[in-house]
Amino acid sequence: MKRVCLMRENNPALILASRSPARAHLLKSAGVVFRQIVSAVDESRIKTQIRDQGGTVDQIAPALAAAKAKAVSKIHPDDWIIGADQTLLYKENLISKAANRQELRAQLQDLRGQSHHLHSAVALIQGGVCVWCADCFVSLSMRNFSDDFLNHYVDQADDELLQSVGAIA
């Protein structure tokens, strides 16, 4: 596989502003050379701000993606920063990442056999300016699995599932 190198002398670096192992894996699998720096964005504050200003749920993922990249861009203004986020809407409720395995189990129990909507967004920032962004919506249906399968899945799951809204990995 040919590797794409965007980090050369006197050229800007590519930085992924995310803790997500899944996002890092996607870039690595594509042969992209990058660094990973986690932003210190308060996601709940941004979600609340959007709701308080009369915004809609579909504005949250793009706003979070841009905010994460802009926060890292303040520290690395010459570099290209990728920010990304996802939101999950189920029965008109915004689902957050599970805090622990008990919450993970409860979320999966609610989602099994049901349809839900995943909104993914990505933003590319340089010098604090968004130079490219994209977002998409996907409707997902989870199969109606047994309690035995659920217990085994949660027991075998690594912490990556706790970093993914709706345990989507």
N, C-alpha and C. Protein backbone atom coordinates (compact mmCIF):
# COMPACT_ATOMS: atom_id res chain seq x y z
N MET A 1 0.84 -1.18 0.00
CA MET A 1 0.00 0.00 0.00
C MET A 1 0.88 1.24 0.00
N LYS A 2 0.59 2.17 -0.86
CA LYS A 2 1.33 3.41 -0.92
C LYS A 2 0.88 4.32 0.22
N ARG A 3 1.83 4.90 0.94
CA ARG A 3 1.51 5.80 2.05
C ARG A 3 1.49 7.24 1.55
N VAL A 4 0.52 8.00 1.99
CA VAL A 4 0.40 9.40 1.64
C VAL A 4 1.06 10.20 2.75
N CYS A 5 2.07 10.97 2.42
CA CYS A 5 2.79 11.74 3.44
C CYS A 5 2.50 13.22 3.25
N LEU A 6 1.80 13.78 4.20
CA LEU A 6 1.50 15.21 4.17
C LEU A 6 2.39 15.99 5.13
N MET A 7 3.28 15.30 5.84
CA MET A 7 4.13 15.94 6.84
C MET A 7 5.57 15.95 6.33
N ARG A 8 5.91 16.98 5.58
CA ARG A 8 7.27 17.14 5.08
C ARG A 8 7.84 18.43 5.66
N GLU A 9 9.15 18.57 5.59
CA GLU A 9 9.77 19.80 6.08
C GLU A 9 9.14 21.01 5.41
N ASN A 10 8.88 22.03 6.20
CA ASN A 10 8.31 23.30 5.74
C ASN A 10 6.89 23.18 5.20
N ASN A 11 6.28 22.03 5.33
CA ASN A 11 4.88 21.87 4.93
C ASN A 11 4.03 21.67 6.17
N PRO A 12 2.79 22.07 6.11
CA PRO A 12 1.92 21.85 7.26
C PRO A 12 1.69 20.37 7.53
N ALA A 13 1.48 20.06 8.78
CA ALA A 13 1.16 18.69 9.19
C ALA A 13 -0.35 18.49 9.15
N LEU A 14 -0.75 17.24 9.17
CA LEU A 14 -2.15 16.88 9.28
C LEU A 14 -2.37 16.36 10.69
N ILE A 15 -3.36 16.93 11.37
CA ILE A 15 -3.65 16.55 12.76
C ILE A 15 -5.11 16.14 12.86
N LEU A 16 -5.35 15.00 13.47
CA LEU A 16 -6.69 14.55 13.78
C LEU A 16 -7.03 15.03 15.18
N ALA A 17 -8.02 15.90 15.30
CA ALA A 17 -8.44 16.46 16.59
C ALA A 17 -9.52 15.57 17.19
N SER A 18 -9.12 14.36 17.56
CA SER A 18 -10.09 13.38 18.03
C SER A 18 -9.39 12.32 18.86
N ARG A 19 -10.10 11.80 19.84
CA ARG A 19 -9.63 10.69 20.65
C ARG A 19 -10.01 9.35 20.02
N SER A 20 -10.87 9.38 19.04
CA SER A 20 -11.48 8.19 18.46
C SER A 20 -10.48 7.23 17.83
N PRO A 21 -10.38 6.02 18.38
CA PRO A 21 -9.53 5.01 17.74
C PRO A 21 -10.06 4.63 16.35
N ALA A 22 -11.37 4.66 16.17
CA ALA A 22 -11.96 4.30 14.87
C ALA A 22 -11.56 5.32 13.80
N ARG A 23 -11.58 6.60 14.12
CA ARG A 23 -11.19 7.63 13.15
C ARG A 23 -9.71 7.52 12.82
N ALA A 24 -8.90 7.30 13.84
CA ALA A 24 -7.46 7.13 13.61
C ALA A 24 -7.20 5.91 12.74
N HIS A 25 -7.92 4.84 12.98
CA HIS A 25 -7.76 3.61 12.19
C HIS A 25 -8.12 3.85 10.72
N LEU A 26 -9.17 4.62 10.48
CA LEU A 26 -9.56 4.92 9.09
C LEU A 26 -8.43 5.64 8.35
N LEU A 27 -7.85 6.64 9.00
CA LEU A 27 -6.77 7.38 8.34
C LEU A 27 -5.54 6.50 8.14
N LYS A 28 -5.18 5.72 9.15
CA LYS A 28 -4.02 4.83 9.04
C LYS A 28 -4.25 3.81 7.92
N SER A 29 -5.45 3.26 7.84
CA SER A 29 -5.77 2.27 6.81
C SER A 29 -5.69 2.86 5.41
N ALA A 30 -5.93 4.15 5.31
CA ALA A 30 -5.85 4.83 4.01
C ALA A 30 -4.41 5.24 3.69
N GLY A 31 -3.48 4.97 4.61
CA GLY A 31 -2.08 5.31 4.38
C GLY A 31 -1.74 6.76 4.66
N VAL A 32 -2.61 7.46 5.36
CA VAL A 32 -2.38 8.87 5.66
C VAL A 32 -1.49 9.00 6.90
N VAL A 33 -0.49 9.87 6.80
CA VAL A 33 0.39 10.15 7.92
C VAL A 33 -0.19 11.36 8.66
N PHE A 34 -0.40 11.22 9.96
CA PHE A 34 -1.01 12.29 10.75
C PHE A 34 -0.60 12.16 12.20
N ARG A 35 -0.86 13.21 12.95
CA ARG A 35 -0.73 13.16 14.41
C ARG A 35 -2.14 13.23 14.99
N GLN A 36 -2.28 12.76 16.19
CA GLN A 36 -3.57 12.78 16.86
C GLN A 36 -3.45 13.63 18.12
N ILE A 37 -4.24 14.69 18.18
CA ILE A 37 -4.27 15.58 19.35
C ILE A 37 -5.73 15.74 19.76
N VAL A 38 -6.02 15.43 21.00
CA VAL A 38 -7.39 15.52 21.49
C VAL A 38 -7.69 16.97 21.88
N SER A 39 -8.79 17.50 21.40
CA SER A 39 -9.19 18.87 21.76
C SER A 39 -9.87 18.86 23.12
N ALA A 40 -9.87 20.01 23.75
CA ALA A 40 -10.49 20.14 25.07
C ALA A 40 -11.85 20.82 24.96
N VAL A 41 -12.59 20.49 23.92
CA VAL A 41 -13.90 21.11 23.69
C VAL A 41 -14.93 20.51 24.65
N ASP A 42 -15.72 21.37 25.25
CA ASP A 42 -16.81 20.95 26.13
C ASP A 42 -18.04 20.68 25.26
N GLU A 43 -18.22 19.41 24.89
CA GLU A 43 -19.30 19.04 23.97
C GLU A 43 -20.67 19.37 24.54
N SER A 44 -20.88 19.12 25.81
CA SER A 44 -22.20 19.37 26.40
C SER A 44 -22.53 20.87 26.38
N ARG A 45 -21.54 21.73 26.55
CA ARG A 45 -21.78 23.17 26.50
C ARG A 45 -22.23 23.58 25.10
N ILE A 46 -21.59 23.03 24.08
CA ILE A 46 -21.95 23.37 22.70
C ILE A 46 -23.35 22.86 22.37
N LYS A 47 -23.68 21.65 22.79
CA LYS A 47 -25.02 21.11 22.57
C LYS A 47 -26.07 21.99 23.22
N THR A 48 -25.82 22.39 24.46
CA THR A 48 -26.76 23.25 25.20
C THR A 48 -26.89 24.60 24.51
N GLN A 49 -25.77 25.17 24.07
CA GLN A 49 -25.78 26.46 23.40
C GLN A 49 -26.62 26.41 22.12
N ILE A 50 -26.48 25.36 21.35
CA ILE A 50 -27.25 25.22 20.11
C ILE A 50 -28.74 25.13 20.43
N ARG A 51 -29.09 24.31 21.42
CA ARG A 51 -30.50 24.18 21.79
C ARG A 51 -31.05 25.50 22.32
N ASP A 52 -30.27 26.21 23.18
CA ASP A 52 -30.72 27.48 23.77
C ASP A 52 -30.92 28.57 22.71
N GLN A 53 -30.18 28.47 21.63
CA GLN A 53 -30.30 29.46 20.55
C GLN A 53 -31.35 29.05 19.51
N GLY A 54 -32.12 28.01 19.82
CA GLY A 54 -33.18 27.57 18.92
C GLY A 54 -32.68 26.72 17.77
N GLY A 55 -31.46 26.23 17.88
CA GLY A 55 -30.90 25.38 16.83
C GLY A 55 -31.54 24.00 16.83
N THR A 56 -31.22 23.24 15.81
CA THR A 56 -31.79 21.90 15.68
C THR A 56 -30.72 20.84 15.91
N VAL A 57 -31.16 19.62 16.11
CA VAL A 57 -30.26 18.50 16.36
C VAL A 57 -29.27 18.33 15.21
N ASP A 58 -29.71 18.61 13.97
CA ASP A 58 -28.82 18.40 12.84
C ASP A 58 -27.69 19.43 12.74
N GLN A 59 -27.67 20.42 13.63
CA GLN A 59 -26.57 21.39 13.67
C GLN A 59 -25.47 20.96 14.65
N ILE A 60 -25.74 19.97 15.47
CA ILE A 60 -24.81 19.62 16.55
C ILE A 60 -23.54 18.96 16.02
N ALA A 61 -23.65 17.91 15.22
CA ALA A 61 -22.44 17.21 14.73
C ALA A 61 -21.51 18.14 13.96
N PRO A 62 -22.02 18.95 13.01
CA PRO A 62 -21.11 19.87 12.30
C PRO A 62 -20.47 20.90 13.24
N ALA A 63 -21.25 21.39 14.21
CA ALA A 63 -20.70 22.38 15.14
C ALA A 63 -19.61 21.76 16.01
N LEU A 64 -19.81 20.54 16.47
CA LEU A 64 -18.80 19.87 17.29
C LEU A 64 -17.55 19.55 16.47
N ALA A 65 -17.72 19.09 15.25
CA ALA A 65 -16.56 18.79 14.39
C ALA A 65 -15.71 20.04 14.18
N ALA A 66 -16.36 21.15 13.86
CA ALA A 66 -15.63 22.40 13.63
C ALA A 66 -14.99 22.92 14.91
N ALA A 67 -15.72 22.85 16.03
CA ALA A 67 -15.19 23.35 17.30
C ALA A 67 -13.94 22.58 17.73
N LYS A 68 -13.95 21.28 17.56
CA LYS A 68 -12.79 20.46 17.92
C LYS A 68 -11.57 20.84 17.08
N ALA A 69 -11.78 20.97 15.78
CA ALA A 69 -10.67 21.32 14.89
C ALA A 69 -10.17 22.74 15.15
N LYS A 70 -11.09 23.67 15.39
CA LYS A 70 -10.67 25.05 15.66
C LYS A 70 -9.89 25.16 16.96
N ALA A 71 -10.26 24.38 17.96
CA ALA A 71 -9.54 24.41 19.24
C ALA A 71 -8.09 23.97 19.06
N VAL A 72 -7.87 22.92 18.28
CA VAL A 72 -6.51 22.44 18.03
C VAL A 72 -5.78 23.41 17.09
N SER A 73 -6.51 24.03 16.17
CA SER A 73 -5.92 24.98 15.23
C SER A 73 -5.35 26.20 15.95
N LYS A 74 -5.92 26.56 17.10
CA LYS A 74 -5.38 27.69 17.87
C LYS A 74 -3.96 27.41 18.32
N ILE A 75 -3.66 26.17 18.60
CA ILE A 75 -2.33 25.76 19.06
C ILE A 75 -1.40 25.47 17.87
N HIS A 76 -1.97 25.01 16.77
CA HIS A 76 -1.22 24.63 15.56
C HIS A 76 -1.82 25.33 14.34
N PRO A 77 -1.68 26.67 14.26
CA PRO A 77 -2.39 27.42 13.21
C PRO A 77 -1.92 27.14 11.78
N ASP A 78 -0.69 26.66 11.60
CA ASP A 78 -0.20 26.41 10.24
C ASP A 78 -0.56 25.02 9.73
N ASP A 79 -1.03 24.17 10.61
CA ASP A 79 -1.32 22.79 10.25
C ASP A 79 -2.76 22.62 9.80
N TRP A 80 -3.01 21.52 9.10
CA TRP A 80 -4.35 21.13 8.68
C TRP A 80 -4.94 20.29 9.79
N ILE A 81 -6.11 20.68 10.29
CA ILE A 81 -6.72 20.00 11.42
C ILE A 81 -8.05 19.39 10.97
N ILE A 82 -8.21 18.10 11.25
CA ILE A 82 -9.47 17.41 10.97
C ILE A 82 -10.24 17.25 12.27
N GLY A 83 -11.46 17.74 12.28
CA GLY A 83 -12.37 17.52 13.40
C GLY A 83 -13.55 16.72 12.90
N ALA A 84 -14.06 15.83 13.74
CA ALA A 84 -15.19 15.01 13.33
C ALA A 84 -16.08 14.72 14.53
N ASP A 85 -17.34 14.46 14.26
CA ASP A 85 -18.25 14.08 15.33
C ASP A 85 -19.45 13.37 14.74
N GLN A 86 -20.16 12.67 15.61
CA GLN A 86 -21.39 11.99 15.23
C GLN A 86 -22.42 12.20 16.32
N THR A 87 -23.67 12.30 15.90
CA THR A 87 -24.77 12.31 16.85
C THR A 87 -25.73 11.18 16.46
N LEU A 88 -26.44 10.71 17.44
CA LEU A 88 -27.38 9.61 17.21
C LEU A 88 -28.74 10.05 17.73
N LEU A 89 -29.73 10.00 16.85
CA LEU A 89 -31.09 10.37 17.20
C LEU A 89 -31.95 9.11 17.20
N TYR A 90 -32.60 8.89 18.33
CA TYR A 90 -33.46 7.72 18.47
C TYR A 90 -34.76 8.17 19.14
N LYS A 91 -35.87 7.97 18.45
CA LYS A 91 -37.18 8.39 18.96
C LYS A 91 -37.15 9.84 19.44
N GLU A 92 -36.60 10.70 18.59
CA GLU A 92 -36.52 12.15 18.85
C GLU A 92 -35.63 12.51 20.03
N ASN A 93 -34.85 11.56 20.53
CA ASN A 93 -33.91 11.83 21.63
C ASN A 93 -32.49 11.73 21.12
N LEU A 94 -31.66 12.66 21.56
CA LEU A 94 -30.25 12.63 21.23
C LEU A 94 -29.56 11.69 22.20
N ILE A 95 -28.92 10.66 21.67
CA ILE A 95 -28.26 9.66 22.50
C ILE A 95 -26.79 10.05 22.66
N SER A 96 -26.29 10.01 23.88
CA SER A 96 -24.89 10.35 24.15
C SER A 96 -24.07 9.08 24.29
N LYS A 97 -22.76 9.25 24.33
CA LYS A 97 -21.87 8.12 24.55
C LYS A 97 -22.17 7.52 25.92
N ALA A 98 -22.11 6.22 26.01
CA ALA A 98 -22.34 5.56 27.29
C ALA A 98 -21.15 5.85 28.21
N ALA A 99 -21.45 6.13 29.46
CA ALA A 99 -20.40 6.44 30.43
C ALA A 99 -19.74 5.18 30.97
N ASN A 100 -20.46 4.07 30.92
CA ASN A 100 -19.93 2.81 31.47
C ASN A 100 -20.64 1.64 30.78
N ARG A 101 -20.27 0.44 31.15
CA ARG A 101 -20.84 -0.75 30.51
C ARG A 101 -22.32 -0.94 30.83
N GLN A 102 -22.77 -0.49 31.99
CA GLN A 102 -24.19 -0.60 32.32
C GLN A 102 -25.02 0.29 31.39
N GLU A 103 -24.55 1.53 31.16
CA GLU A 103 -25.24 2.42 30.23
C GLU A 103 -25.18 1.87 28.80
N LEU A 104 -24.03 1.29 28.46
CA LEU A 104 -23.88 0.69 27.14
C LEU A 104 -24.91 -0.41 26.93
N ARG A 105 -25.05 -1.28 27.91
CA ARG A 105 -26.02 -2.38 27.84
C ARG A 105 -27.44 -1.81 27.69
N ALA A 106 -27.77 -0.79 28.47
CA ALA A 106 -29.11 -0.20 28.41
C ALA A 106 -29.38 0.44 27.04
N GLN A 107 -28.38 1.14 26.49
CA GLN A 107 -28.55 1.74 25.16
C GLN A 107 -28.80 0.68 24.10
N LEU A 108 -27.99 -0.37 24.15
CA LEU A 108 -28.14 -1.43 23.15
C LEU A 108 -29.47 -2.16 23.30
N GLN A 109 -29.96 -2.31 24.53
CA GLN A 109 -31.28 -2.92 24.75
C GLN A 109 -32.36 -2.06 24.10
N ASP A 110 -32.24 -0.73 24.26
CA ASP A 110 -33.22 0.18 23.66
C ASP A 110 -33.16 0.17 22.13
N LEU A 111 -31.94 0.11 21.58
CA LEU A 111 -31.76 0.23 20.14
C LEU A 111 -32.04 -1.07 19.37
N ARG A 112 -31.93 -2.22 20.04
CA ARG A 112 -32.08 -3.48 19.31
C ARG A 112 -33.48 -3.60 18.72
N GLY A 113 -33.48 -4.06 17.49
CA GLY A 113 -34.73 -4.23 16.77
C GLY A 113 -35.35 -2.91 16.32
N GLN A 114 -34.63 -1.82 16.46
CA GLN A 114 -35.18 -0.49 16.17
C GLN A 114 -34.33 0.23 15.12
N SER A 115 -34.91 1.26 14.53
CA SER A 115 -34.18 2.14 13.62
C SER A 115 -33.79 3.41 14.36
N HIS A 116 -32.67 3.95 13.97
CA HIS A 116 -32.19 5.20 14.55
C HIS A 116 -31.40 5.94 13.47
N HIS A 117 -31.04 7.18 13.73
CA HIS A 117 -30.43 8.03 12.71
C HIS A 117 -29.08 8.55 13.19
N LEU A 118 -28.06 8.28 12.41
CA LEU A 118 -26.71 8.71 12.72
C LEU A 118 -26.34 9.88 11.83
N HIS A 119 -25.86 10.94 12.44
CA HIS A 119 -25.44 12.13 11.70
C HIS A 119 -23.93 12.27 11.91
N SER A 120 -23.17 12.18 10.84
CA SER A 120 -21.71 12.30 10.90
C SER A 120 -21.29 13.60 10.22
N ALA A 121 -20.27 14.24 10.81
CA ALA A 121 -19.76 15.48 10.23
C ALA A 121 -18.24 15.52 10.37
N VAL A 122 -17.62 16.17 9.41
CA VAL A 122 -16.17 16.35 9.43
C VAL A 122 -15.86 17.77 8.95
N ALA A 123 -14.83 18.37 9.56
CA ALA A 123 -14.41 19.72 9.18
C ALA A 123 -12.90 19.74 9.06
N LEU A 124 -12.40 20.45 8.07
CA LEU A 124 -10.97 20.65 7.87
C LEU A 124 -10.68 22.12 8.10
N ILE A 125 -9.83 22.39 9.07
CA ILE A 125 -9.55 23.76 9.51
C ILE A 125 -8.06 24.04 9.33
N GLN A 126 -7.74 25.23 8.86
CA GLN A 126 -6.36 25.70 8.87
C GLN A 126 -6.38 27.17 9.25
N GLY A 127 -5.54 27.51 10.22
CA GLY A 127 -5.49 28.90 10.68
C GLY A 127 -6.80 29.37 11.26
N GLY A 128 -7.55 28.48 11.85
CA GLY A 128 -8.83 28.83 12.46
C GLY A 128 -9.97 28.99 11.48
N VAL A 129 -9.72 28.75 10.20
CA VAL A 129 -10.74 28.92 9.16
C VAL A 129 -11.15 27.56 8.61
N CYS A 130 -12.44 27.35 8.51
CA CYS A 130 -12.95 26.10 7.93
C CYS A 130 -12.78 26.17 6.42
N VAL A 131 -11.93 25.29 5.89
CA VAL A 131 -11.68 25.28 4.44
C VAL A 131 -12.50 24.21 3.72
N TRP A 132 -13.03 23.26 4.49
CA TRP A 132 -13.87 22.22 3.90
C TRP A 132 -14.67 21.56 5.03
N CYS A 133 -15.92 21.23 4.75
CA CYS A 133 -16.72 20.48 5.71
C CYS A 133 -17.74 19.64 4.95
N ALA A 134 -18.17 18.59 5.61
CA ALA A 134 -19.18 17.72 5.01
C ALA A 134 -19.94 17.03 6.14
N ASP A 135 -21.17 16.70 5.86
CA ASP A 135 -21.94 15.92 6.82
C ASP A 135 -22.94 15.07 6.08
N CYS A 136 -23.37 14.00 6.76
CA CYS A 136 -24.34 13.11 6.14
C CYS A 136 -25.19 12.45 7.23
N PHE A 137 -26.36 12.02 6.82
CA PHE A 137 -27.28 11.31 7.69
C PHE A 137 -27.44 9.89 7.18
N VAL A 138 -27.47 8.95 8.11
CA VAL A 138 -27.69 7.56 7.75
C VAL A 138 -28.75 7.00 8.69
N SER A 139 -29.70 6.29 8.13
CA SER A 139 -30.68 5.57 8.95
C SER A 139 -30.18 4.15 9.13
N LEU A 140 -30.14 3.71 10.37
CA LEU A 140 -29.65 2.37 10.69
C LEU A 140 -30.74 1.58 11.38
N SER A 141 -30.74 0.31 11.12
CA SER A 141 -31.64 -0.60 11.83
C SER A 141 -30.80 -1.67 12.50
N MET A 142 -30.99 -1.82 13.79
CA MET A 142 -30.24 -2.81 14.54
C MET A 142 -31.08 -4.08 14.61
N ARG A 143 -30.43 -5.20 14.42
CA ARG A 143 -31.18 -6.46 14.47
C ARG A 143 -31.65 -6.71 15.90
N ASN A 144 -32.64 -7.54 16.02
CA ASN A 144 -33.23 -7.85 17.33
C ASN A 144 -32.50 -9.07 17.92
N PHE A 145 -31.40 -8.81 18.60
CA PHE A 145 -30.56 -9.87 19.13
C PHE A 145 -31.02 -10.30 20.52
N SER A 146 -30.56 -11.46 20.92
CA SER A 146 -30.96 -12.04 22.21
C SER A 146 -30.22 -11.39 23.38
N ASP A 147 -30.74 -11.59 24.59
CA ASP A 147 -30.06 -11.12 25.79
C ASP A 147 -28.70 -11.80 25.95
N ASP A 148 -28.63 -13.08 25.57
CA ASP A 148 -27.34 -13.80 25.65
C ASP A 148 -26.31 -13.14 24.74
N PHE A 149 -26.71 -12.79 23.52
CA PHE A 149 -25.80 -12.12 22.60
C PHE A 149 -25.37 -10.78 23.18
N LEU A 150 -26.34 -10.00 23.71
CA LEU A 150 -26.04 -8.70 24.29
C LEU A 150 -25.04 -8.83 25.43
N ASN A 151 -25.26 -9.77 26.32
CA ASN A 151 -24.34 -9.95 27.45
C ASN A 151 -22.94 -10.30 26.97
N HIS A 152 -22.85 -11.22 26.02
CA HIS A 152 -21.55 -11.61 25.48
C HIS A 152 -20.87 -10.42 24.80
N TYR A 153 -21.62 -9.69 24.01
CA TYR A 153 -21.08 -8.53 23.28
C TYR A 153 -20.52 -7.49 24.24
N VAL A 154 -21.30 -7.14 25.25
CA VAL A 154 -20.86 -6.13 26.21
C VAL A 154 -19.67 -6.63 27.02
N ASP A 155 -19.68 -7.90 27.41
CA ASP A 155 -18.56 -8.47 28.16
C ASP A 155 -17.27 -8.48 27.35
N GLN A 156 -17.37 -8.74 26.05
CA GLN A 156 -16.20 -8.83 25.19
C GLN A 156 -15.76 -7.48 24.61
N ALA A 157 -16.62 -6.47 24.72
CA ALA A 157 -16.34 -5.18 24.10
C ALA A 157 -15.16 -4.48 24.78
N ASP A 158 -14.37 -3.80 23.94
CA ASP A 158 -13.29 -3.00 24.52
C ASP A 158 -13.81 -1.58 24.77
N ASP A 159 -12.97 -0.75 25.33
CA ASP A 159 -13.39 0.60 25.70
C ASP A 159 -13.70 1.48 24.49
N GLU A 160 -13.33 1.04 23.29
CA GLU A 160 -13.64 1.80 22.09
C GLU A 160 -15.14 2.01 21.95
N LEU A 161 -15.93 1.01 22.36
CA LEU A 161 -17.38 1.16 22.26
C LEU A 161 -17.92 2.26 23.17
N LEU A 162 -17.22 2.53 24.28
CA LEU A 162 -17.65 3.60 25.17
C LEU A 162 -17.30 4.98 24.59
N GLN A 163 -16.47 5.00 23.57
CA GLN A 163 -16.08 6.26 22.93
C GLN A 163 -16.89 6.51 21.66
N SER A 164 -17.89 5.69 21.42
CA SER A 164 -18.68 5.78 20.21
C SER A 164 -20.16 5.88 20.57
N VAL A 165 -20.81 6.91 20.08
CA VAL A 165 -22.22 7.09 20.37
C VAL A 165 -23.01 5.90 19.82
N GLY A 166 -23.86 5.33 20.65
CA GLY A 166 -24.66 4.19 20.24
C GLY A 166 -23.86 2.91 20.07
N ALA A 167 -22.64 2.90 20.57
CA ALA A 167 -21.75 1.72 20.47
C ALA A 167 -21.51 1.31 19.03
N ILE A 168 -21.47 2.31 18.13
CA ILE A 168 -21.25 2.03 16.72
C ILE A 168 -19.75 2.11 16.47
N ALA A 169 -19.18 1.00 16.08
CA ALA A 169 -17.72 0.96 15.83
C ALA A 169 -17.46 0.16 14.57
